Amino acid sequence: MGLRPGDVVQEIGWDEDTDDDLRAAIEGVIGAEMLDEDTDEVVDVVVLWWRDDDGDLVDTLMDVITPLSDDGYVWVLSPKTGHSGHVEPSEIAEAAPTAGLVQTSSTTLGSWIGSRLVQPKSGRAKR
């Protein structure tokens, strides 16, 4: 996931279905607990647990990029195909540019699929 010790990570969308092993692994790498949705700190990474019935992804992405550092990025984690709440990868791919982000990679993380979204370099310079 590209995380490093000392990264400040905000977690959004936690619920009972999230992967506690993955959460523990993230916190193990960064050496701290993830910050919750209400933090006012600048963050390096946002971990967004996203399910099909969670609302409008574009609106949520636009909200979650607000606290991101210039080089920060977002991991959108959605349930794998066949699991409750599955989100089509095309939905994430289409929402990203509308929210001013670019999808750079995706990976399987247990029963979740992770899509890494970054701010375009030209957008970073303007901030």
C-alpha atoms as a PDB file:
ATOM      1  CA  MET A   1       0.000   0.000   0.000  1.00  0.00           C
ATOM      2  CA  GLY A   2       3.048   2.247   0.034  1.00  0.00           C
ATOM      3  CA  LEU A   3       2.771   3.135   3.711  1.00  0.00           C
ATOM      4  CA  ARG A   4       5.829   4.108   5.727  1.00  0.00           C
ATOM      5  CA  PRO A   5       6.556   4.421   9.434  1.00  0.00           C
ATOM      6  CA  GLY A   6       5.394   7.818  10.636  1.00  0.00           C
ATOM      7  CA  ASP A   7       2.748   8.312   7.928  1.00  0.00           C
ATOM      8  CA  VAL A   8      -0.404   9.991   9.230  1.00  0.00           C
ATOM      9  CA  VAL A   9      -3.359   7.884   8.055  1.00  0.00           C
ATOM     10  CA  GLN A  10      -7.016   8.806   8.334  1.00  0.00           C
ATOM     11  CA  GLU A  11      -9.625   6.035   8.258  1.00  0.00           C
ATOM     12  CA  ILE A  12     -13.101   6.766   6.929  1.00  0.00           C
ATOM     13  CA  GLY A  13     -16.053   4.403   6.609  1.00  0.00           C
ATOM     14  CA  TRP A  14     -15.137   1.948   9.357  1.00  0.00           C
ATOM     15  CA  ASP A  15     -17.922  -0.521  10.140  1.00  0.00           C
ATOM     16  CA  GLU A  16     -18.293  -4.023  11.534  1.00  0.00           C
ATOM     17  CA  ASP A  17     -17.458  -5.541   8.137  1.00  0.00           C
ATOM     18  CA  THR A  18     -14.017  -3.944   7.816  1.00  0.00           C
ATOM     19  CA  ASP A  19     -10.956  -6.183   7.897  1.00  0.00           C
ATOM     20  CA  ASP A  20      -9.468  -5.916  11.397  1.00  0.00           C
ATOM     21  CA  ASP A  21      -6.306  -7.762  10.331  1.00  0.00           C
ATOM     22  CA  LEU A  22      -5.713  -5.231   7.548  1.00  0.00           C
ATOM     23  CA  ARG A  23      -6.379  -2.350   9.946  1.00  0.00           C
ATOM     24  CA  ALA A  24      -3.868  -3.811  12.439  1.00  0.00           C
ATOM     25  CA  ALA A  25      -1.295  -4.287   9.663  1.00  0.00           C
ATOM     26  CA  ILE A  26      -1.651  -0.648   8.578  1.00  0.00           C
ATOM     27  CA  GLU A  27      -1.249   0.579  12.149  1.00  0.00           C
ATOM     28  CA  GLY A  28       1.730  -1.737  12.593  1.00  0.00           C
ATOM     29  CA  VAL A  29       3.498  -0.232   9.579  1.00  0.00           C
ATOM     30  CA  ILE A  30       2.817   3.408  10.463  1.00  0.00           C
ATOM     31  CA  GLY A  31       3.521   2.836  14.156  1.00  0.00           C
ATOM     32  CA  ALA A  32       0.364   4.595  15.334  1.00  0.00           C
ATOM     33  CA  GLU A  33      -3.402   4.364  15.314  1.00  0.00           C
ATOM     34  CA  MET A  34      -5.247   5.654  12.271  1.00  0.00           C
ATOM     35  CA  LEU A  35      -7.064   8.941  12.787  1.00  0.00           C
ATOM     36  CA  ASP A  36     -10.853   8.968  12.616  1.00  0.00           C
ATOM     37  CA  GLU A  37     -13.150  10.864  10.282  1.00  0.00           C
ATOM     38  CA  ASP A  38     -13.311  13.946  12.496  1.00  0.00           C
ATOM     39  CA  THR A  39      -9.623  14.826  12.559  1.00  0.00           C
ATOM     40  CA  ASP A  40      -8.438  18.290  11.576  1.00  0.00           C
ATOM     41  CA  GLU A  41      -4.851  17.167  10.933  1.00  0.00           C
ATOM     42  CA  VAL A  42      -3.136  17.109   7.554  1.00  0.00           C
ATOM     43  CA  VAL A  43      -2.814  13.462   6.534  1.00  0.00           C
ATOM     44  CA  ASP A  44      -0.532  11.497   4.230  1.00  0.00           C
ATOM     45  CA  VAL A  45      -3.049   8.772   3.378  1.00  0.00           C
ATOM     46  CA  VAL A  46      -6.806   8.328   3.587  1.00  0.00           C
ATOM     47  CA  VAL A  47      -8.132   4.773   3.897  1.00  0.00           C
ATOM     48  CA  LEU A  48     -11.739   4.889   2.671  1.00  0.00           C
ATOM     49  CA  TRP A  49     -13.826   1.772   3.273  1.00  0.00           C
ATOM     50  CA  TRP A  50     -16.500   2.065   0.559  1.00  0.00           C
ATOM     51  CA  ARG A  51     -19.577  -0.077  -0.101  1.00  0.00           C
ATOM     52  CA  ASP A  52     -22.198   0.037  -2.825  1.00  0.00           C
ATOM     53  CA  ASP A  53     -24.840   1.635  -0.595  1.00  0.00           C
ATOM     54  CA  ASP A  54     -22.583   4.261   1.026  1.00  0.00           C
ATOM     55  CA  GLY A  55     -23.852   7.169  -1.070  1.00  0.00           C
ATOM     56  CA  ASP A  56     -22.161   9.315  -3.698  1.00  0.00           C
ATOM     57  CA  LEU A  57     -18.516   8.359  -4.169  1.00  0.00           C
ATOM     58  CA  VAL A  58     -17.576  11.576  -5.981  1.00  0.00           C
ATOM     59  CA  ASP A  59     -18.886  13.734  -3.114  1.00  0.00           C
ATOM     60  CA  THR A  60     -17.091  11.586  -0.564  1.00  0.00           C
ATOM     61  CA  LEU A  61     -13.806  11.694  -2.486  1.00  0.00           C
ATOM     62  CA  MET A  62     -14.013  15.462  -2.751  1.00  0.00           C
ATOM     63  CA  ASP A  63     -14.468  15.613   1.032  1.00  0.00           C
ATOM     64  CA  VAL A  64     -11.635  13.202   1.857  1.00  0.00           C
ATOM     65  CA  ILE A  65      -8.995  14.979  -0.236  1.00  0.00           C
ATOM     66  CA  THR A  66      -9.377  18.180   1.797  1.00  0.00           C
ATOM     67  CA  PRO A  67      -6.974  17.104   4.598  1.00  0.00           C
ATOM     68  CA  LEU A  68      -4.483  15.419   2.238  1.00  0.00           C
ATOM     69  CA  SER A  69      -0.898  16.617   2.103  1.00  0.00           C
ATOM     70  CA  ASP A  70       0.354  17.659  -1.336  1.00  0.00           C
ATOM     71  CA  ASP A  71       1.838  14.191  -1.912  1.00  0.00           C
ATOM     72  CA  GLY A  72      -0.984  12.369  -0.115  1.00  0.00           C
ATOM     73  CA  TYR A  73      -3.160   9.681  -1.628  1.00  0.00           C
ATOM     74  CA  VAL A  74      -6.398   7.787  -1.040  1.00  0.00           C
ATOM     75  CA  TRP A  75      -6.968   4.046  -0.844  1.00  0.00           C
ATOM     76  CA  VAL A  76     -10.588   3.203  -1.672  1.00  0.00           C
ATOM     77  CA  LEU A  77     -11.260  -0.240  -0.208  1.00  0.00           C
ATOM     78  CA  SER A  78     -14.370  -2.017  -1.453  1.00  0.00           C
ATOM     79  CA  PRO A  79     -15.636  -5.576  -0.972  1.00  0.00           C
ATOM     80  CA  LYS A  80     -14.539  -8.136  -3.566  1.00  0.00           C
ATOM     81  CA  THR A  81     -16.953  -9.399  -6.206  1.00  0.00           C
ATOM     82  CA  GLY A  82     -19.557 -11.684  -4.649  1.00  0.00           C
ATOM     83  CA  HIS A  83     -19.377 -10.004  -1.237  1.00  0.00           C
ATOM     84  CA  SER A  84     -22.109  -7.782   0.173  1.00  0.00           C
ATOM     85  CA  GLY A  85     -21.549  -4.137  -0.763  1.00  0.00           C
ATOM     86  CA  HIS A  86     -19.367  -4.898  -3.811  1.00  0.00           C
ATOM     87  CA  VAL A  87     -18.574  -1.822  -5.920  1.00  0.00           C
ATOM     88  CA  GLU A  88     -17.829  -2.172  -9.609  1.00  0.00           C
ATOM     89  CA  PRO A  89     -14.226  -1.087 -10.346  1.00  0.00           C
ATOM     90  CA  SER A  90     -15.574   1.100 -13.158  1.00  0.00           C
ATOM     91  CA  GLU A  91     -17.519   3.154 -10.594  1.00  0.00           C
ATOM     92  CA  ILE A  92     -14.297   4.018  -8.769  1.00  0.00           C
ATOM     93  CA  ALA A  93     -12.438   4.645 -12.052  1.00  0.00           C
ATOM     94  CA  GLU A  94     -15.183   7.038 -13.210  1.00  0.00           C
ATOM     95  CA  ALA A  95     -15.530   8.853  -9.863  1.00  0.00           C
ATOM     96  CA  ALA A  96     -11.810   9.538  -9.440  1.00  0.00           C
ATOM     97  CA  PRO A  97     -11.284  12.118 -12.236  1.00  0.00           C
ATOM     98  CA  THR A  98     -14.548  13.884 -11.391  1.00  0.00           C
ATOM     99  CA  ALA A  99     -13.179  14.363  -7.866  1.00  0.00           C
ATOM    100  CA  GLY A 100      -9.819  15.553  -9.230  1.00  0.00           C
ATOM    101  CA  LEU A 101      -7.938  12.290  -8.664  1.00  0.00           C
ATOM    102  CA  VAL A 102      -6.167   9.727 -10.830  1.00  0.00           C
ATOM    103  CA  GLN A 103      -6.274   5.980 -10.217  1.00  0.00           C
ATOM    104  CA  THR A 104      -2.746   4.580 -10.249  1.00  0.00           C
ATOM    105  CA  SER A 105      -3.152   0.977  -9.137  1.00  0.00           C
ATOM    106  CA  SER A 106      -5.401  -1.616  -7.578  1.00  0.00           C
ATOM    107  CA  THR A 107      -4.690  -4.635  -5.428  1.00  0.00           C
ATOM    108  CA  THR A 108      -6.445  -7.389  -3.533  1.00  0.00           C
ATOM    109  CA  LEU A 109      -6.330  -6.995   0.244  1.00  0.00           C
ATOM    110  CA  GLY A 110      -8.015 -10.028   1.800  1.00  0.00           C
ATOM    111  CA  SER A 111     -11.729  -9.856   0.974  1.00  0.00           C
ATOM    112  CA  TRP A 112     -11.370  -6.237  -0.163  1.00  0.00           C
ATOM    113  CA  ILE A 113     -10.116  -4.605  -3.366  1.00  0.00           C
ATOM    114  CA  GLY A 114      -7.950  -1.518  -2.936  1.00  0.00           C
ATOM    115  CA  SER A 115      -7.805   1.270  -5.516  1.00  0.00           C
ATOM    116  CA  ARG A 116      -5.047   3.852  -5.047  1.00  0.00           C
ATOM    117  CA  LEU A 117      -6.028   7.375  -6.066  1.00  0.00           C
ATOM    118  CA  VAL A 118      -3.593  10.298  -6.246  1.00  0.00           C
ATOM    119  CA  GLN A 119      -3.793  13.990  -6.936  1.00  0.00           C
ATOM    120  CA  PRO A 120      -2.462  14.870 -10.401  1.00  0.00           C
ATOM    121  CA  LYS A 121       0.932  16.579 -10.298  1.00  0.00           C
ATOM    122  CA  SER A 122      -0.485  19.698 -11.949  1.00  0.00           C
ATOM    123  CA  GLY A 123      -3.186  19.861  -9.253  1.00  0.00           C
ATOM    124  CA  ARG A 124      -0.617  19.572  -6.470  1.00  0.00           C
ATOM    125  CA  ALA A 125       1.323  22.573  -7.715  1.00  0.00           C
ATOM    126  CA  LYS A 126      -1.775  24.783  -7.667  1.00  0.00           C
ATOM    127  CA  ARG A 127      -2.645  24.011  -4.044  1.00  0.00           C
END
